[in-house]
Amino acid sequence: SPEQEASMTAQEMEYLPNVGGAYLNRGRLLSGQGQSDAA
């Protein structure tokens, strides 16, 4: 995309949003377990 950093590789473009998704989904599971601070 026009806003994409030229230095970012294809792997990084996929990698970073997916890592963010991993934290988000783990946070949801932790919230469901009552671990609000960790979430």
Full PDB file with SEQRES, HELIX, SHEET, SSBOND, CRYST1, ORIGX, SCALE, CONECT and MASTER records, all heavy atoms in Angstrom:
SEQRES   1 A   39  SER PRO GLU GLN GLU ALA SER MET THR ALA GLN GLU MET          
SEQRES   2 A   39  GLU TYR LEU PRO ASN VAL GLY GLY ALA TYR LEU ASN ARG          
SEQRES   3 A   39  GLY ARG LEU LEU SER GLY GLN GLY GLN SER ASP ALA ALA          
HELIX    1 AA1 ALA A   10  GLY A   32  1                                  23    
CRYST1    1.000    1.000    1.000  90.00  90.00  90.00 P 1           1          
ORIGX1      1.000000  0.000000  0.000000        0.00000                         
ORIGX2      0.000000  1.000000  0.000000        0.00000                         
ORIGX3      0.000000  0.000000  1.000000        0.00000                         
SCALE1      1.000000  0.000000  0.000000        0.00000                         
SCALE2      0.000000  1.000000  0.000000        0.00000                         
SCALE3      0.000000  0.000000  1.000000        0.00000                         
ATOM      1  N   SER A   1       0.851  -1.191   0.000  1.00  0.00           N  
ATOM      2  CA  SER A   1       0.000   0.000   0.000  1.00  0.00           C  
ATOM      3  C   SER A   1       0.889   1.245   0.000  1.00  0.00           C  
ATOM      4  O   SER A   1       2.059   1.169   0.370  1.00  0.00           O  
ATOM      5  CB  SER A   1      -0.891  -0.001   1.248  1.00  0.00           C  
ATOM      6  OG  SER A   1      -0.093   0.131   2.408  1.00  0.00           O  
ATOM      7  N   PRO A   2       0.341   2.398  -0.412  1.00  0.00           N  
ATOM      8  CA  PRO A   2       1.158   3.616  -0.470  1.00  0.00           C  
ATOM      9  C   PRO A   2       1.790   3.982   0.872  1.00  0.00           C  
ATOM     10  O   PRO A   2       2.855   4.558   0.909  1.00  0.00           O  
ATOM     11  CB  PRO A   2       0.164   4.692  -0.914  1.00  0.00           C  
ATOM     12  CG  PRO A   2      -0.896   3.935  -1.627  1.00  0.00           C  
ATOM     13  CD  PRO A   2      -1.004   2.623  -0.918  1.00  0.00           C  
ATOM     14  N   GLU A   3       1.098   3.631   1.984  1.00  0.00           N  
ATOM     15  CA  GLU A   3       1.610   3.993   3.303  1.00  0.00           C  
ATOM     16  C   GLU A   3       2.639   3.005   3.829  1.00  0.00           C  
ATOM     17  O   GLU A   3       3.247   3.211   4.860  1.00  0.00           O  
ATOM     18  CB  GLU A   3       0.451   4.073   4.317  1.00  0.00           C  
ATOM     19  CG  GLU A   3      -0.611   5.108   3.972  1.00  0.00           C  
ATOM     20  CD  GLU A   3      -1.684   4.552   3.064  1.00  0.00           C  
ATOM     21  OE1 GLU A   3      -1.545   3.397   2.610  1.00  0.00           O  
ATOM     22  OE2 GLU A   3      -2.660   5.274   2.800  1.00  0.00           O  
ATOM     23  N   GLN A   4       2.831   1.882   3.121  1.00  0.00           N  
ATOM     24  CA  GLN A   4       3.691   0.819   3.623  1.00  0.00           C  
ATOM     25  C   GLN A   4       5.153   1.248   3.612  1.00  0.00           C  
ATOM     26  O   GLN A   4       5.623   1.849   2.653  1.00  0.00           O  
ATOM     27  CB  GLN A   4       3.537  -0.431   2.752  1.00  0.00           C  
ATOM     28  CG  GLN A   4       4.065  -1.695   3.409  1.00  0.00           C  
ATOM     29  CD  GLN A   4       3.199  -2.116   4.560  1.00  0.00           C  
ATOM     30  OE1 GLN A   4       1.989  -2.068   4.485  1.00  0.00           O  
ATOM     31  NE2 GLN A   4       3.824  -2.516   5.639  1.00  0.00           N  
ATOM     32  N   GLU A   5       5.859   0.951   4.677  1.00  0.00           N  
ATOM     33  CA  GLU A   5       7.282   1.264   4.712  1.00  0.00           C  
ATOM     34  C   GLU A   5       8.001   0.432   3.661  1.00  0.00           C  
ATOM     35  O   GLU A   5       7.841  -0.781   3.586  1.00  0.00           O  
ATOM     36  CB  GLU A   5       7.861   0.931   6.098  1.00  0.00           C  
ATOM     37  CG  GLU A   5       7.380   1.846   7.206  1.00  0.00           C  
ATOM     38  CD  GLU A   5       8.051   1.492   8.523  1.00  0.00           C  
ATOM     39  OE1 GLU A   5       9.251   1.176   8.512  1.00  0.00           O  
ATOM     40  OE2 GLU A   5       7.363   1.509   9.548  1.00  0.00           O  
ATOM     41  N   ALA A   6       8.842   1.080   2.880  1.00  0.00           N  
ATOM     42  CA  ALA A   6       9.564   0.363   1.826  1.00  0.00           C  
ATOM     43  C   ALA A   6      10.499  -0.681   2.404  1.00  0.00           C  
ATOM     44  O   ALA A   6      10.820  -1.668   1.757  1.00  0.00           O  
ATOM     45  CB  ALA A   6      10.353   1.359   0.983  1.00  0.00           C  
ATOM     46  N   SER A   7      10.931  -0.487   3.650  1.00  0.00           N  
ATOM     47  CA  SER A   7      11.897  -1.416   4.248  1.00  0.00           C  
ATOM     48  C   SER A   7      11.245  -2.675   4.800  1.00  0.00           C  
ATOM     49  O   SER A   7      11.929  -3.614   5.177  1.00  0.00           O  
ATOM     50  CB  SER A   7      12.656  -0.710   5.385  1.00  0.00           C  
ATOM     51  OG  SER A   7      11.748  -0.298   6.401  1.00  0.00           O  
ATOM     52  N   MET A   8       9.908  -2.709   4.859  1.00  0.00           N  
ATOM     53  CA  MET A   8       9.237  -3.869   5.434  1.00  0.00           C  
ATOM     54  C   MET A   8       9.144  -5.000   4.430  1.00  0.00           C  
ATOM     55  O   MET A   8       8.815  -4.794   3.266  1.00  0.00           O  
ATOM     56  CB  MET A   8       7.831  -3.489   5.914  1.00  0.00           C  
ATOM     57  CG  MET A   8       7.827  -2.601   7.127  1.00  0.00           C  
ATOM     58  SD  MET A   8       6.169  -2.387   7.791  1.00  0.00           S  
ATOM     59  CE  MET A   8       5.901  -3.978   8.558  1.00  0.00           C  
ATOM     60  N   THR A   9       9.463  -6.191   4.893  1.00  0.00           N  
ATOM     61  CA  THR A   9       9.381  -7.359   4.024  1.00  0.00           C  
ATOM     62  C   THR A   9       7.961  -7.899   4.023  1.00  0.00           C  
ATOM     63  O   THR A   9       7.136  -7.549   4.870  1.00  0.00           O  
ATOM     64  CB  THR A   9      10.328  -8.458   4.513  1.00  0.00           C  
ATOM     65  OG1 THR A   9       9.877  -8.915   5.803  1.00  0.00           O  
ATOM     66  CG2 THR A   9      11.759  -7.951   4.627  1.00  0.00           C  
ATOM     67  N   ALA A  10       7.696  -8.807   3.065  1.00  0.00           N  
ATOM     68  CA  ALA A  10       6.378  -9.442   3.009  1.00  0.00           C  
ATOM     69  C   ALA A  10       6.089 -10.188   4.299  1.00  0.00           C  
ATOM     70  O   ALA A  10       4.968 -10.184   4.799  1.00  0.00           O  
ATOM     71  CB  ALA A  10       6.324 -10.397   1.816  1.00  0.00           C  
ATOM     72  N   GLN A  11       7.119 -10.828   4.856  1.00  0.00           N  
ATOM     73  CA  GLN A  11       6.930 -11.584   6.097  1.00  0.00           C  
ATOM     74  C   GLN A  11       6.513 -10.652   7.228  1.00  0.00           C  
ATOM     75  O   GLN A  11       5.612 -10.956   8.002  1.00  0.00           O  
ATOM     76  CB  GLN A  11       8.216 -12.314   6.480  1.00  0.00           C  
ATOM     77  CG  GLN A  11       8.054 -13.179   7.737  1.00  0.00           C  
ATOM     78  CD  GLN A  11       9.351 -13.866   8.128  1.00  0.00           C  
ATOM     79  OE1 GLN A  11      10.408 -13.531   7.617  1.00  0.00           O  
ATOM     80  NE2 GLN A  11       9.270 -14.814   9.027  1.00  0.00           N  
ATOM     81  N   GLU A  12       7.144  -9.478   7.313  1.00  0.00           N  
ATOM     82  CA  GLU A  12       6.799  -8.534   8.377  1.00  0.00           C  
ATOM     83  C   GLU A  12       5.389  -7.996   8.203  1.00  0.00           C  
ATOM     84  O   GLU A  12       4.676  -7.781   9.179  1.00  0.00           O  
ATOM     85  CB  GLU A  12       7.803  -7.382   8.386  1.00  0.00           C  
ATOM     86  CG  GLU A  12       9.156  -7.772   8.935  1.00  0.00           C  
ATOM     87  CD  GLU A  12      10.166  -6.648   8.795  1.00  0.00           C  
ATOM     88  OE1 GLU A  12      10.191  -5.994   7.735  1.00  0.00           O  
ATOM     89  OE2 GLU A  12      10.930  -6.439   9.747  1.00  0.00           O  
ATOM     90  N   MET A  13       4.979  -7.772   6.943  1.00  0.00           N  
ATOM     91  CA  MET A  13       3.639  -7.250   6.705  1.00  0.00           C  
ATOM     92  C   MET A  13       2.571  -8.211   7.201  1.00  0.00           C  
ATOM     93  O   MET A  13       1.532  -7.803   7.693  1.00  0.00           O  
ATOM     94  CB  MET A  13       3.446  -6.958   5.214  1.00  0.00           C  
ATOM     95  CG  MET A  13       4.194  -5.725   4.749  1.00  0.00           C  
ATOM     96  SD  MET A  13       3.722  -5.233   3.095  1.00  0.00           S  
ATOM     97  CE  MET A  13       4.464  -6.527   2.122  1.00  0.00           C  
ATOM     98  N   GLU A  14       2.812  -9.510   7.062  1.00  0.00           N  
ATOM     99  CA  GLU A  14       1.863 -10.501   7.563  1.00  0.00           C  
ATOM    100  C   GLU A  14       2.101 -10.754   9.042  1.00  0.00           C  
ATOM    101  O   GLU A  14       1.171 -10.932   9.823  1.00  0.00           O  
ATOM    102  CB  GLU A  14       2.017 -11.815   6.791  1.00  0.00           C  
ATOM    103  CG  GLU A  14       1.146 -12.925   7.344  1.00  0.00           C  
ATOM    104  CD  GLU A  14       1.428 -14.255   6.668  1.00  0.00           C  
ATOM    105  OE1 GLU A  14       1.670 -14.277   5.466  1.00  0.00           O  
ATOM    106  OE2 GLU A  14       1.419 -15.271   7.388  1.00  0.00           O  
ATOM    107  N   TYR A  15       3.370 -10.744   9.438  1.00  0.00           N  
ATOM    108  CA  TYR A  15       3.773 -11.186  10.765  1.00  0.00           C  
ATOM    109  C   TYR A  15       3.235 -10.281  11.872  1.00  0.00           C  
ATOM    110  O   TYR A  15       2.634 -10.751  12.834  1.00  0.00           O  
ATOM    111  CB  TYR A  15       5.297 -11.223  10.802  1.00  0.00           C  
ATOM    112  CG  TYR A  15       5.921 -11.632  12.107  1.00  0.00           C  
ATOM    113  CD1 TYR A  15       5.900 -12.964  12.515  1.00  0.00           C  
ATOM    114  CD2 TYR A  15       6.558 -10.706  12.925  1.00  0.00           C  
ATOM    115  CE1 TYR A  15       6.496 -13.348  13.701  1.00  0.00           C  
ATOM    116  CE2 TYR A  15       7.152 -11.086  14.106  1.00  0.00           C  
ATOM    117  CZ  TYR A  15       7.117 -12.405  14.494  1.00  0.00           C  
ATOM    118  OH  TYR A  15       7.702 -12.785  15.668  1.00  0.00           O  
ATOM    119  N   LEU A  16       3.437  -8.975  11.727  1.00  0.00           N  
ATOM    120  CA  LEU A  16       3.090  -8.069  12.815  1.00  0.00           C  
ATOM    121  C   LEU A  16       1.600  -8.048  13.147  1.00  0.00           C  
ATOM    122  O   LEU A  16       1.233  -8.167  14.313  1.00  0.00           O  
ATOM    123  CB  LEU A  16       3.615  -6.667  12.500  1.00  0.00           C  
ATOM    124  CG  LEU A  16       5.151  -6.563  12.546  1.00  0.00           C  
ATOM    125  CD1 LEU A  16       5.604  -5.231  11.974  1.00  0.00           C  
ATOM    126  CD2 LEU A  16       5.662  -6.725  13.962  1.00  0.00           C  
ATOM    127  N   PRO A  17       0.696  -7.903  12.157  1.00  0.00           N  
ATOM    128  CA  PRO A  17      -0.730  -7.952  12.502  1.00  0.00           C  
ATOM    129  C   PRO A  17      -1.140  -9.279  13.129  1.00  0.00           C  
ATOM    130  O   PRO A  17      -1.989  -9.316  14.020  1.00  0.00           O  
ATOM    131  CB  PRO A  17      -1.436  -7.736  11.156  1.00  0.00           C  
ATOM    132  CG  PRO A  17      -0.433  -7.005  10.332  1.00  0.00           C  
ATOM    133  CD  PRO A  17       0.891  -7.572  10.737  1.00  0.00           C  
ATOM    134  N   ASN A  18      -0.531 -10.380  12.685  1.00  0.00           N  
ATOM    135  CA  ASN A  18      -0.875 -11.671  13.262  1.00  0.00           C  
ATOM    136  C   ASN A  18      -0.393 -11.788  14.704  1.00  0.00           C  
ATOM    137  O   ASN A  18      -1.064 -12.382  15.550  1.00  0.00           O  
ATOM    138  CB  ASN A  18      -0.293 -12.803  12.418  1.00  0.00           C  
ATOM    139  CG  ASN A  18      -1.140 -13.110  11.209  1.00  0.00           C  
ATOM    140  OD1 ASN A  18      -2.334 -12.845  11.191  1.00  0.00           O  
ATOM    141  ND2 ASN A  18      -0.540 -13.662  10.180  1.00  0.00           N  
ATOM    142  N   VAL A  19       0.773 -11.232  15.006  1.00  0.00           N  
ATOM    143  CA  VAL A  19       1.242 -11.224  16.391  1.00  0.00           C  
ATOM    144  C   VAL A  19       0.302 -10.391  17.249  1.00  0.00           C  
ATOM    145  O   VAL A  19      -0.057 -10.776  18.362  1.00  0.00           O  
ATOM    146  CB  VAL A  19       2.689 -10.690  16.478  1.00  0.00           C  
ATOM    147  CG1 VAL A  19       3.079 -10.479  17.938  1.00  0.00           C  
ATOM    148  CG2 VAL A  19       3.656 -11.661  15.821  1.00  0.00           C  
ATOM    149  N   GLY A  20      -0.114  -9.246  16.715  1.00  0.00           N  
ATOM    150  CA  GLY A  20      -1.100  -8.436  17.441  1.00  0.00           C  
ATOM    151  C   GLY A  20      -2.363  -9.218  17.703  1.00  0.00           C  
ATOM    152  O   GLY A  20      -2.941  -9.155  18.794  1.00  0.00           O  
ATOM    153  N   GLY A  21      -2.794  -9.998  16.716  1.00  0.00           N  
ATOM    154  CA  GLY A  21      -3.979 -10.835  16.886  1.00  0.00           C  
ATOM    155  C   GLY A  21      -3.790 -11.907  17.942  1.00  0.00           C  
ATOM    156  O   GLY A  21      -4.731 -12.266  18.663  1.00  0.00           O  
ATOM    157  N   ALA A  22      -2.573 -12.418  18.057  1.00  0.00           N  
ATOM    158  CA  ALA A  22      -2.295 -13.440  19.073  1.00  0.00           C  
ATOM    159  C   ALA A  22      -2.449 -12.854  20.474  1.00  0.00           C  
ATOM    160  O   ALA A  22      -3.054 -13.475  21.363  1.00  0.00           O  
ATOM    161  CB  ALA A  22      -0.889 -14.011  18.873  1.00  0.00           C  
ATOM    162  N   TYR A  23      -1.891 -11.662  20.683  1.00  0.00           N  
ATOM    163  CA  TYR A  23      -2.056 -11.009  21.995  1.00  0.00           C  
ATOM    164  C   TYR A  23      -3.527 -10.695  22.264  1.00  0.00           C  
ATOM    165  O   TYR A  23      -4.015 -10.884  23.384  1.00  0.00           O  
ATOM    166  CB  TYR A  23      -1.236  -9.723  22.049  1.00  0.00           C  
ATOM    167  CG  TYR A  23       0.223  -9.928  22.365  1.00  0.00           C  
ATOM    168  CD1 TYR A  23       1.187  -9.860  21.362  1.00  0.00           C  
ATOM    169  CD2 TYR A  23       0.650 -10.180  23.665  1.00  0.00           C  
ATOM    170  CE1 TYR A  23       2.536 -10.035  21.641  1.00  0.00           C  
ATOM    171  CE2 TYR A  23       1.995 -10.364  23.960  1.00  0.00           C  
ATOM    172  CZ  TYR A  23       2.941 -10.287  22.941  1.00  0.00           C  
ATOM    173  OH  TYR A  23       4.267 -10.468  23.224  1.00  0.00           O  
ATOM    174  N   LEU A  24      -4.225 -10.215  21.255  1.00  0.00           N  
ATOM    175  CA  LEU A  24      -5.640  -9.877  21.422  1.00  0.00           C  
ATOM    176  C   LEU A  24      -6.454 -11.101  21.828  1.00  0.00           C  
ATOM    177  O   LEU A  24      -7.235 -11.050  22.790  1.00  0.00           O  
ATOM    178  CB  LEU A  24      -6.187  -9.300  20.113  1.00  0.00           C  
ATOM    179  CG  LEU A  24      -7.706  -9.126  20.011  1.00  0.00           C  
ATOM    180  CD1 LEU A  24      -8.220  -8.176  21.075  1.00  0.00           C  
ATOM    181  CD2 LEU A  24      -8.092  -8.633  18.613  1.00  0.00           C  
ATOM    182  N   ASN A  25      -6.255 -12.196  21.114  1.00  0.00           N  
ATOM    183  CA  ASN A  25      -7.056 -13.391  21.406  1.00  0.00           C  
ATOM    184  C   ASN A  25      -6.662 -14.050  22.718  1.00  0.00           C  
ATOM    185  O   ASN A  25      -7.514 -14.586  23.420  1.00  0.00           O  
ATOM    186  CB  ASN A  25      -6.942 -14.378  20.235  1.00  0.00           C  
ATOM    187  CG  ASN A  25      -7.716 -13.905  19.028  1.00  0.00           C  
ATOM    188  OD1 ASN A  25      -8.857 -13.488  19.135  1.00  0.00           O  
ATOM    189  ND2 ASN A  25      -7.097 -13.935  17.861  1.00  0.00           N  
ATOM    190  N   ARG A  26      -5.365 -13.999  23.045  1.00  0.00           N  
ATOM    191  CA  ARG A  26      -4.979 -14.527  24.357  1.00  0.00           C  
ATOM    192  C   ARG A  26      -5.574 -13.667  25.460  1.00  0.00           C  
ATOM    193  O   ARG A  26      -6.021 -14.183  26.503  1.00  0.00           O  
ATOM    194  CB  ARG A  26      -3.457 -14.597  24.488  1.00  0.00           C  
ATOM    195  CG  ARG A  26      -3.037 -15.368  25.741  1.00  0.00           C  
ATOM    196  CD  ARG A  26      -1.537 -15.537  25.859  1.00  0.00           C  
ATOM    197  NE  ARG A  26      -0.854 -14.281  26.182  1.00  0.00           N  
ATOM    198  CZ  ARG A  26       0.444 -14.202  26.489  1.00  0.00           C  
ATOM    199  NH1 ARG A  26       1.198 -15.309  26.475  1.00  0.00           N  
ATOM    200  NH2 ARG A  26       1.006 -13.041  26.777  1.00  0.00           N  
ATOM    201  N   GLY A  27      -5.608 -12.362  25.226  1.00  0.00           N  
ATOM    202  CA  GLY A  27      -6.232 -11.472  26.210  1.00  0.00           C  
ATOM    203  C   GLY A  27      -7.695 -11.801  26.433  1.00  0.00           C  
ATOM    204  O   GLY A  27      -8.190 -11.779  27.559  1.00  0.00           O  
ATOM    205  N   ARG A  28      -8.407 -12.108  25.352  1.00  0.00           N  
ATOM    206  CA  ARG A  28      -9.817 -12.490  25.485  1.00  0.00           C  
ATOM    207  C   ARG A  28      -9.964 -13.743  26.346  1.00  0.00           C  
ATOM    208  O   ARG A  28     -10.846 -13.815  27.216  1.00  0.00           O  
ATOM    209  CB  ARG A  28     -10.429 -12.761  24.111  1.00  0.00           C  
ATOM    210  CG  ARG A  28     -10.765 -11.553  23.290  1.00  0.00           C  
ATOM    211  CD  ARG A  28     -11.635 -11.925  22.103  1.00  0.00           C  
ATOM    212  NE  ARG A  28     -11.114 -13.040  21.338  1.00  0.00           N  
ATOM    213  CZ  ARG A  28     -11.508 -14.301  21.454  1.00  0.00           C  
ATOM    214  NH1 ARG A  28     -12.447 -14.637  22.339  1.00  0.00           N  
ATOM    215  NH2 ARG A  28     -10.981 -15.253  20.693  1.00  0.00           N  
ATOM    216  N   LEU A  29      -9.110 -14.743  26.074  1.00  0.00           N  
ATOM    217  CA  LEU A  29      -9.187 -15.985  26.856  1.00  0.00           C  
ATOM    218  C   LEU A  29      -8.854 -15.722  28.321  1.00  0.00           C  
ATOM    219  O   LEU A  29      -9.501 -16.271  29.230  1.00  0.00           O  
ATOM    220  CB  LEU A  29      -8.231 -17.030  26.270  1.00  0.00           C  
ATOM    221  CG  LEU A  29      -8.616 -17.603  24.901  1.00  0.00           C  
ATOM    222  CD1 LEU A  29      -7.518 -18.530  24.384  1.00  0.00           C  
ATOM    223  CD2 LEU A  29      -9.937 -18.366  24.980  1.00  0.00           C  
ATOM    224  N   LEU A  30      -7.850 -14.892  28.568  1.00  0.00           N  
ATOM    225  CA  LEU A  30      -7.484 -14.566  29.949  1.00  0.00           C  
ATOM    226  C   LEU A  30      -8.606 -13.809  30.650  1.00  0.00           C  
ATOM    227  O   LEU A  30      -8.885 -14.043  31.834  1.00  0.00           O  
ATOM    228  CB  LEU A  30      -6.198 -13.731  29.960  1.00  0.00           C  
ATOM    229  CG  LEU A  30      -4.921 -14.473  29.566  1.00  0.00           C  
ATOM    230  CD1 LEU A  30      -3.772 -13.487  29.347  1.00  0.00           C  
ATOM    231  CD2 LEU A  30      -4.541 -15.502  30.631  1.00  0.00           C  
ATOM    232  N   SER A  31      -9.265 -12.918  29.926  1.00  0.00           N  
ATOM    233  CA  SER A  31     -10.402 -12.193  30.502  1.00  0.00           C  
ATOM    234  C   SER A  31     -11.507 -13.160  30.902  1.00  0.00           C  
ATOM    235  O   SER A  31     -12.117 -13.023  31.976  1.00  0.00           O  
ATOM    236  CB  SER A  31     -10.935 -11.179  29.490  1.00  0.00           C  
ATOM    237  OG  SER A  31     -12.095 -10.543  29.979  1.00  0.00           O  
ATOM    238  N   GLY A  32     -11.764 -14.146  30.041  1.00  0.00           N  
ATOM    239  CA  GLY A  32     -12.778 -15.151  30.332  1.00  0.00           C  
ATOM    240  C   GLY A  32     -12.434 -15.999  31.542  1.00  0.00           C  
ATOM    241  O   GLY A  32     -13.324 -16.562  32.191  1.00  0.00           O  
ATOM    242  N   GLN A  33     -11.138 -16.080  31.868  1.00  0.00           N  
ATOM    243  CA  GLN A  33     -10.687 -16.823  33.047  1.00  0.00           C  
ATOM    244  C   GLN A  33     -10.621 -15.935  34.292  1.00  0.00           C  
ATOM    245  O   GLN A  33     -10.192 -16.388  35.350  1.00  0.00           O  
ATOM    246  CB  GLN A  33      -9.300 -17.419  32.777  1.00  0.00           C  
ATOM    247  CG  GLN A  33      -9.282 -18.464  31.674  1.00  0.00           C  
ATOM    248  CD  GLN A  33      -7.867 -18.883  31.277  1.00  0.00           C  
ATOM    249  OE1 GLN A  33      -6.879 -18.390  31.829  1.00  0.00           O  
ATOM    250  NE2 GLN A  33      -7.759 -19.810  30.334  1.00  0.00           N  
ATOM    251  N   GLY A  34     -11.038 -14.679  34.143  1.00  0.00           N  
ATOM    252  CA  GLY A  34     -11.025 -13.758  35.277  1.00  0.00           C  
ATOM    253  C   GLY A  34      -9.689 -13.099  35.523  1.00  0.00           C  
ATOM    254  O   GLY A  34      -9.508 -12.435  36.549  1.00  0.00           O  
ATOM    255  N   GLN A  35      -8.740 -13.249  34.608  1.00  0.00           N  
ATOM    256  CA  GLN A  35      -7.408 -12.656  34.779  1.00  0.00           C  
ATOM    257  C   GLN A  35      -7.361 -11.303  34.059  1.00  0.00           C  
ATOM    258  O   GLN A  35      -6.715 -11.141  33.020  1.00  0.00           O  
ATOM    259  CB  GLN A  35      -6.342 -13.595  34.238  1.00  0.00           C  
ATOM    260  CG  GLN A  35      -6.318 -14.960  34.916  1.00  0.00           C  
ATOM    261  CD  GLN A  35      -5.200 -15.838  34.383  1.00  0.00           C  
ATOM    262  OE1 GLN A  35      -4.029 -15.457  34.387  1.00  0.00           O  
ATOM    263  NE2 GLN A  35      -5.548 -17.044  33.921  1.00  0.00           N  
ATOM    264  N   SER A  36      -8.040 -10.317  34.636  1.00  0.00           N  
ATOM    265  CA  SER A  36      -8.222  -9.031  33.971  1.00  0.00           C  
ATOM    266  C   SER A  36      -6.913  -8.274  33.772  1.00  0.00           C  
ATOM    267  O   SER A  36      -6.692  -7.670  32.717  1.00  0.00           O  
ATOM    268  CB  SER A  36      -9.207  -8.163  34.764  1.00  0.00           C  
ATOM    269  OG  SER A  36      -9.437  -6.944  34.108  1.00  0.00           O  
ATOM    270  N   ASP A  37      -6.035  -8.278  34.770  1.00  0.00           N  
ATOM    271  CA  ASP A  37      -4.777  -7.541  34.639  1.00  0.00           C  
ATOM    272  C   ASP A  37      -3.927  -8.120  33.509  1.00  0.00           C  
ATOM    273  O   ASP A  37      -3.350  -7.371  32.713  1.00  0.00           O  
ATOM    274  CB  ASP A  37      -3.991  -7.591  35.953  1.00  0.00           C  
ATOM    275  CG  ASP A  37      -4.634  -6.742  37.045  1.00  0.00           C  
ATOM    276  OD1 ASP A  37      -5.495  -5.896  36.714  1.00  0.00           O  
ATOM    277  OD2 ASP A  37      -4.274  -6.927  38.222  1.00  0.00           O  
ATOM    278  N   ALA A  38      -3.843  -9.445  33.454  1.00  0.00           N  
ATOM    279  CA  ALA A  38      -3.067 -10.088  32.382  1.00  0.00           C  
ATOM    280  C   ALA A  38      -3.704  -9.823  31.028  1.00  0.00           C  
ATOM    281  O   ALA A  38      -3.004  -9.607  30.022  1.00  0.00           O  
ATOM    282  CB  ALA A  38      -2.971 -11.600  32.636  1.00  0.00           C  
ATOM    283  N   ALA A  39      -5.034  -9.813  30.999  1.00  0.00           N  
ATOM    284  CA  ALA A  39      -5.747  -9.530  29.749  1.00  0.00           C  
ATOM    285  C   ALA A  39      -5.445  -8.109  29.279  1.00  0.00           C  
ATOM    286  O   ALA A  39      -5.173  -7.883  28.091  1.00  0.00           O  
ATOM    287  CB  ALA A  39      -7.252  -9.712  29.943  1.00  0.00           C  
TER     288      ALA A  39                                                      
MASTER        0    0    0    1    0    0    0    6  287    1    0    3          
END                                                                             
